């Protein structure tokens, strides 16, 4: 065998030996030592490294929505709630982000619910609808916190056109949602039904009541999205209210605070919103962040009409937070 052939042969043998060693370690069975109880196997591998076990979160003994008791004594109700609890509890990143956003947006939402005479629990409907994402836009065109459709918005006094889309105005959209809930509550006599109808429509809820000869949400069968809707809202409420006890901890300055702003009343058309922002000591980016309902580079103001545009108050970061 010539020198070149010997080198190739040695190299091949070395490669095979290396692969064999790696395979031995890679595929070596985990040592289930006799001193590890099989029932406990999975908590530890005996080497100090913990392994995770996942458990369903414990369900509350009682739960209500807007003061209306959820009948957890019914097996189907309990199982539906448990499903939503598990799914939403284990979405840790999403839930933590919602918790951070809730301290920014809940104060205004709560104030508008209170002013409109709608139960505080409806703020969790907002969470279920949009995860408190102000810029949220669904594949079918439902927009922002309350996921109003473009066609539905004008019925609840929300202006939608090429320049203005008040579905993205948290104050006005919350007032519009309150108008819907009060109308639905008057029709069905239940806040739970009013919330469920927000998903399937008042006509949809009424048709199911007529066909099934029942009116209580928990006694009715709906398409799957509506079937899950109230349980998801209730699960989100429970998780947010009991976040710290469930191990979801946002502390100190980690929570987002409401942005401090100043209001500018506009009663004349604006031909360039970027220039307008600069004139008020800000910039176009900040104007869009605080006023996402402005959808174009211009704003046409009709005679007798006014708009309120928010700009940030120039404060140090530590006082903003």
Protein backbone atom coordinates (compact mmCIF):
# COMPACT_ATOMS: atom_id res chain seq x y z
CA UNK A 1 0.00 0.00 0.00
CA UNK A 2 1.51 3.35 -0.98
CA UNK A 3 1.90 6.24 1.42
CA UNK A 4 -1.16 8.12 0.07
CA UNK A 5 -3.37 5.05 0.51
CA UNK A 6 -2.14 4.54 4.09
CA UNK A 7 -2.98 8.14 5.02
CA UNK A 8 -6.49 7.80 3.57
CA UNK A 9 -6.96 4.48 5.40
CA UNK A 10 -5.84 5.94 8.76
CA UNK A 11 -8.11 8.97 8.24
CA UNK A 12 -11.11 6.76 7.48
CA UNK A 13 -10.49 4.58 10.53
CA UNK A 14 -10.16 7.66 12.72
CA UNK A 15 -13.41 9.09 11.36
CA UNK A 16 -15.29 5.83 11.98
CA UNK A 17 -13.90 5.63 15.52
CA UNK A 18 -14.93 9.22 16.23
CA UNK A 19 -18.46 8.67 14.95
CA UNK A 20 -18.74 5.48 17.02
CA UNK A 21 -17.72 7.33 20.20
CA UNK A 22 -20.19 10.14 19.55
CA UNK A 23 -22.96 7.65 18.80
CA UNK A 24 -22.23 5.81 22.06
CA UNK A 25 -22.71 8.95 24.12
CA UNK A 26 -25.58 10.29 22.03
CA UNK A 27 -27.64 7.13 22.21
CA UNK A 28 -26.58 5.87 25.63
CA UNK A 29 -29.76 5.05 27.61
CA UNK A 30 -30.51 7.28 30.60
CA UNK A 31 -29.35 5.51 33.72
CA UNK A 32 -32.48 4.72 35.71
CA UNK A 33 -30.72 4.10 38.98
CA UNK A 34 -32.53 1.77 41.43
CA UNK A 35 -32.54 4.57 44.03
CA UNK A 36 -34.85 6.68 41.81
CA UNK A 37 -38.48 5.76 42.26
CA UNK A 38 -40.11 5.12 38.89
CA UNK A 39 -43.12 7.20 39.97
CA UNK A 40 -40.84 10.18 40.51
CA UNK A 41 -38.75 9.66 37.41
CA UNK A 42 -38.83 12.84 35.41
CA UNK A 43 -38.33 15.17 38.39
CA UNK A 44 -34.62 14.46 38.32
CA UNK A 45 -32.13 12.49 36.30
CA UNK A 46 -29.94 11.99 39.32
CA UNK A 47 -27.42 14.48 37.99
CA UNK A 48 -28.82 17.63 39.60
CA UNK A 49 -30.59 18.79 36.44
CA UNK A 50 -34.35 19.18 36.84
CA UNK A 51 -36.86 18.13 34.24
CA UNK A 52 -40.18 19.92 33.88
CA UNK A 53 -43.56 18.42 34.60
CA UNK A 54 -46.67 20.21 33.40
CA UNK A 55 -49.89 20.26 35.38
CA UNK A 56 -53.30 21.75 34.58
CA UNK A 57 -53.87 24.88 36.69
CA UNK A 58 -56.24 24.33 39.58
CA UNK A 59 -59.74 25.52 38.77
CA UNK A 60 -61.48 27.97 41.09
CA UNK A 61 -64.38 26.67 43.16
CA UNK A 62 -66.54 29.56 41.99
CA UNK A 63 -66.27 32.02 39.14
CA UNK A 64 -68.53 34.69 37.74
CA UNK A 65 -68.72 37.06 34.81
CA UNK A 66 -70.20 40.51 35.48
CA UNK A 67 -71.75 39.19 38.68
CA UNK A 68 -73.42 36.26 36.91
CA UNK A 69 -72.32 32.90 38.32
CA UNK A 70 -70.71 30.36 36.04
CA UNK A 71 -72.33 26.95 36.77
CA UNK A 72 -69.13 24.99 37.39
CA UNK A 73 -71.15 22.14 38.88
CA UNK A 74 -72.04 21.17 35.28
CA UNK A 75 -69.41 18.84 33.86
CA UNK A 76 -69.41 20.39 30.38
CA UNK A 77 -69.06 23.92 31.78
CA UNK A 78 -66.17 22.86 34.00
CA UNK A 79 -64.37 21.04 31.19
CA UNK A 80 -64.77 23.94 28.77
CA UNK A 81 -63.36 26.33 31.35
CA UNK A 82 -60.49 23.96 32.09
CA UNK A 83 -59.58 23.86 28.40
CA UNK A 84 -59.32 27.65 28.18
CA UNK A 85 -57.46 27.83 31.50
CA UNK A 86 -54.80 25.41 30.30
CA UNK A 87 -54.39 27.01 26.89
CA UNK A 88 -54.15 30.58 28.19
CA UNK A 89 -52.16 29.79 31.33
CA UNK A 90 -49.39 28.12 29.36
CA UNK A 91 -49.09 30.95 26.83
CA UNK A 92 -46.63 32.57 29.21
CA UNK A 93 -45.07 35.13 26.91
CA UNK A 94 -48.41 36.36 25.60
CA UNK A 95 -49.95 36.47 29.08
CA UNK A 96 -47.02 38.37 30.58
CA UNK A 97 -47.21 40.92 27.76
CA UNK A 98 -50.95 41.33 28.36
CA UNK A 99 -50.24 41.93 32.05
CA UNK A 100 -47.72 44.65 31.17
CA UNK A 101 -50.17 46.30 28.76
CA UNK A 102 -53.11 46.05 31.16
CA UNK A 103 -51.63 48.61 33.54
CA UNK A 104 -51.40 51.07 30.65
CA UNK A 105 -54.82 50.57 29.08
CA UNK A 106 -57.12 49.24 31.81
CA UNK A 107 -57.45 52.57 33.67
CA UNK A 108 -59.03 54.29 30.65
CA UNK A 109 -61.13 51.24 29.69
CA UNK A 110 -62.37 50.89 33.27
CA UNK A 111 -63.24 54.59 33.42
CA UNK A 112 -65.29 54.39 30.20
CA UNK A 113 -67.07 51.19 31.28
CA UNK A 114 -67.97 52.84 34.58
CA UNK A 115 -69.15 56.02 32.87
CA UNK A 116 -71.39 53.97 30.58
CA UNK A 117 -72.83 51.77 33.32
CA UNK A 118 -71.28 48.56 31.96
CA UNK A 119 -69.75 45.99 34.38
CA UNK A 120 -65.99 46.17 34.86
CA UNK A 121 -65.54 42.56 33.73
CA UNK A 122 -66.08 43.63 30.12
CA UNK A 123 -62.48 44.80 30.04
CA UNK A 124 -61.59 41.10 29.79
CA UNK A 125 -63.69 40.88 26.62
CA UNK A 126 -61.27 43.45 25.21
CA UNK A 127 -58.37 41.17 26.20
CA UNK A 128 -60.01 38.16 24.54
CA UNK A 129 -60.68 40.15 21.38
CA UNK A 130 -57.28 41.77 20.82
CA UNK A 131 -54.83 40.85 23.61
CA UNK A 132 -54.77 44.64 24.17
CA UNK A 133 -53.00 45.17 20.85
CA UNK A 134 -54.12 48.62 19.68
CA UNK A 135 -52.96 48.04 16.10
CA UNK A 136 -54.59 44.61 15.86
CA UNK A 137 -56.31 43.89 12.53
CA UNK A 138 -57.91 40.49 11.91
CA UNK A 139 -57.87 38.67 8.53
CA UNK A 140 -61.53 39.67 8.04
CA UNK A 141 -60.88 43.34 8.84
CA UNK A 142 -61.94 43.61 12.49
CA UNK A 143 -59.81 46.33 14.06
CA UNK A 144 -58.04 47.32 17.26
CA UNK A 145 -58.99 46.72 20.91
CA UNK A 146 -62.66 45.87 20.40
CA UNK A 147 -62.35 44.33 16.92
CA UNK A 148 -65.16 46.33 15.34
CA UNK A 149 -65.89 45.54 11.71
CA UNK A 150 -65.75 48.42 9.23
CA UNK A 151 -69.40 47.92 8.31
CA UNK A 152 -70.58 47.82 11.95
CA UNK A 153 -68.60 50.81 13.24
CA UNK A 154 -70.80 53.64 11.86
CA UNK A 155 -73.86 52.12 13.58
CA UNK A 156 -72.09 52.84 16.88
CA UNK A 157 -70.98 56.36 15.87
CA UNK A 158 -67.43 55.44 14.88
CA UNK A 159 -66.13 57.35 11.87
CA UNK A 160 -64.30 55.22 9.30
CA UNK A 161 -62.86 56.59 6.06
CA UNK A 162 -59.55 56.92 4.25
CA UNK A 163 -58.20 59.49 6.74
CA UNK A 164 -59.90 58.57 10.02
CA UNK A 165 -60.68 55.20 11.59
CA UNK A 166 -62.08 55.66 15.07
CA UNK A 167 -62.05 51.92 15.72
CA UNK A 168 -58.42 52.62 16.68
CA UNK A 169 -59.42 55.35 19.16
CA UNK A 170 -59.53 53.52 22.50
CA UNK A 171 -61.86 56.00 24.20
CA UNK A 172 -64.40 56.21 21.36
CA UNK A 173 -64.24 52.50 20.56
CA UNK A 174 -64.81 51.58 24.22
CA UNK A 175 -67.85 53.88 24.32
CA UNK A 176 -69.12 52.21 21.14
CA UNK A 177 -68.62 48.74 22.63
CA UNK A 178 -70.54 49.87 25.72
CA UNK A 179 -73.45 50.98 23.52
CA UNK A 180 -73.50 47.49 22.00
CA UNK A 181 -73.40 45.71 25.38
CA UNK A 182 -76.20 47.82 26.82
CA UNK A 183 -78.33 47.19 23.74
CA UNK A 184 -77.66 43.43 23.92
CA UNK A 185 -78.29 43.32 27.68
CA UNK A 186 -81.62 45.05 27.17
CA UNK A 187 -82.51 42.44 24.53
CA UNK A 188 -81.36 39.29 26.36
CA UNK A 189 -81.51 40.30 30.04
CA UNK A 190 -78.04 38.90 30.76
CA UNK A 191 -74.52 40.34 30.64
CA UNK A 192 -73.15 36.89 29.78
CA UNK A 193 -75.49 36.70 26.79
CA UNK A 194 -74.54 40.26 25.81
CA UNK A 195 -70.85 39.28 25.81
CA UNK A 196 -71.47 36.05 23.86
CA UNK A 197 -73.55 37.91 21.28
CA UNK A 198 -70.57 40.21 20.68
CA UNK A 199 -68.97 37.18 19.03
CA UNK A 200 -71.92 35.75 17.11
CA UNK A 201 -74.09 38.87 16.76
CA UNK A 202 -77.39 39.65 18.42
CA UNK A 203 -79.30 38.09 15.55
CA UNK A 204 -77.17 34.94 15.78
CA UNK A 205 -77.71 34.63 19.52
CA UNK A 206 -81.45 35.26 19.21
CA UNK A 207 -81.85 32.65 16.46
CA UNK A 208 -80.17 30.00 18.64
CA UNK A 209 -82.43 30.94 21.56
CA UNK A 210 -85.50 30.56 19.36
CA UNK A 211 -84.40 27.24 17.85
CA UNK A 212 -83.18 25.64 21.10
CA UNK A 213 -85.98 27.12 23.22
CA UNK A 214 -83.53 28.39 25.86
CA UNK A 215 -81.83 31.70 26.61
CA UNK A 216 -79.09 30.94 29.16
CA UNK A 217 -75.70 30.85 27.42
CA UNK A 218 -74.66 27.78 29.43
CA UNK A 219 -77.68 25.84 28.14
CA UNK A 220 -77.11 26.65 24.47
CA UNK A 221 -75.00 25.09 21.70
CA UNK A 222 -73.23 27.54 19.38
CA UNK A 223 -70.60 27.26 16.66
CA UNK A 224 -67.25 26.42 18.26
CA UNK A 225 -65.85 29.96 18.37
CA UNK A 226 -68.84 31.24 20.34
CA UNK A 227 -68.95 28.06 22.47
CA UNK A 228 -65.42 28.89 23.66
CA UNK A 229 -65.82 32.66 23.88
CA UNK A 230 -67.20 33.17 27.40
CA UNK A 231 -64.90 30.51 28.84
CA UNK A 232 -61.87 32.20 27.32
CA UNK A 233 -62.95 35.54 28.78
CA UNK A 234 -63.50 33.95 32.21
CA UNK A 235 -60.13 32.16 32.06
CA UNK A 236 -58.33 35.39 31.15
CA UNK A 237 -60.08 37.20 33.99
CA UNK A 238 -59.03 34.54 36.50
CA UNK A 239 -55.43 34.44 35.26
CA UNK A 240 -55.02 38.23 35.24
CA UNK A 241 -56.63 38.72 38.67
CA UNK A 242 -54.59 35.87 40.19
CA UNK A 243 -51.43 36.30 38.11
CA UNK A 244 -48.94 36.50 40.96
CA UNK A 245 -50.34 33.43 42.73
CA UNK A 246 -50.11 31.57 39.42
CA UNK A 247 -46.44 32.47 39.03
CA UNK A 248 -46.92 35.23 36.45
CA UNK A 249 -45.07 38.10 38.06
CA UNK A 250 -44.75 41.66 36.76
CA UNK A 251 -43.19 43.85 39.40
CA UNK A 252 -42.01 47.41 39.93
CA UNK A 253 -41.19 49.35 36.80
CA UNK A 254 -41.77 46.31 34.59
CA UNK A 255 -45.45 47.24 34.25
CA UNK A 256 -46.28 49.77 31.55
CA UNK A 257 -47.90 52.98 32.75
CA UNK A 258 -50.30 55.18 30.81
CA UNK A 259 -48.45 57.61 28.56
CA UNK A 260 -48.79 61.18 29.78
CA UNK A 261 -50.17 63.32 26.98
CA UNK A 262 -51.48 66.76 26.14
CA UNK A 263 -54.53 67.25 23.92
CA UNK A 264 -54.65 69.51 20.88
CA UNK A 265 -58.12 70.36 19.56
CA UNK A 266 -58.17 70.56 15.75
CA UNK A 267 -60.98 72.45 13.95
CA UNK A 268 -59.28 73.03 10.58
CA UNK A 269 -57.90 70.68 7.94
CA UNK A 270 -54.26 69.59 8.13
CA UNK A 271 -52.43 69.14 4.84
CA UNK A 272 -49.31 67.53 6.30
CA UNK A 273 -49.46 65.65 9.60
CA UNK A 274 -45.66 65.31 9.80
CA UNK A 275 -45.27 69.10 9.71
CA UNK A 276 -48.15 69.42 12.18
CA UNK A 277 -46.39 67.08 14.63
CA UNK A 278 -43.12 69.02 14.36
CA UNK A 279 -44.98 72.29 14.97
CA UNK A 280 -46.21 70.82 18.26
CA UNK A 281 -42.75 69.73 19.40
CA UNK A 282 -43.10 66.08 18.41
CA UNK A 283 -42.73 63.94 15.28
CA UNK A 284 -44.87 61.88 12.93
CA UNK A 285 -43.89 58.57 14.54
CA UNK A 286 -45.09 59.68 17.97
CA UNK A 287 -48.25 61.19 16.50
CA UNK A 288 -49.08 57.82 14.92
CA UNK A 289 -48.28 55.87 18.09
CA UNK A 290 -50.60 57.99 20.21
CA UNK A 291 -53.25 58.56 17.54
CA UNK A 292 -53.47 55.35 15.47
CA UNK A 293 -56.93 56.42 14.31
CA UNK A 294 -55.19 58.85 11.94
CA UNK A 295 -54.82 56.68 8.85
CA UNK A 296 -53.34 59.04 6.24
CA UNK A 297 -50.82 61.89 5.88
CA UNK A 298 -53.61 64.47 5.92
CA UNK A 299 -56.71 65.24 7.97
CA UNK A 300 -59.78 66.85 6.45
CA UNK A 301 -61.93 68.65 8.99
CA UNK A 302 -65.45 69.54 7.89
CA UNK A 303 -67.12 72.75 9.13
CA UNK A 304 -68.36 72.37 12.69
CA UNK A 305 -66.28 69.20 13.24
CA UNK A 306 -63.35 68.88 15.67
CA UNK A 307 -60.79 66.19 16.45
CA UNK A 308 -58.59 65.73 19.50
CA UNK A 309 -54.98 64.78 18.80
CA UNK A 310 -52.71 63.60 21.60
CA UNK A 311 -49.03 64.50 21.93
CA UNK A 312 -46.63 63.22 24.60
CA UNK A 313 -45.77 65.47 27.51
CA UNK A 314 -42.01 65.94 27.50
CA UNK A 315 -41.10 64.22 30.78
CA UNK A 316 -38.05 62.25 31.92
CA UNK A 317 -38.25 58.49 31.37
CA UNK A 318 -38.26 57.72 35.10
CA UNK A 319 -41.35 59.88 35.69
CA UNK A 320 -43.08 58.46 32.61
CA UNK A 321 -42.57 55.04 34.13
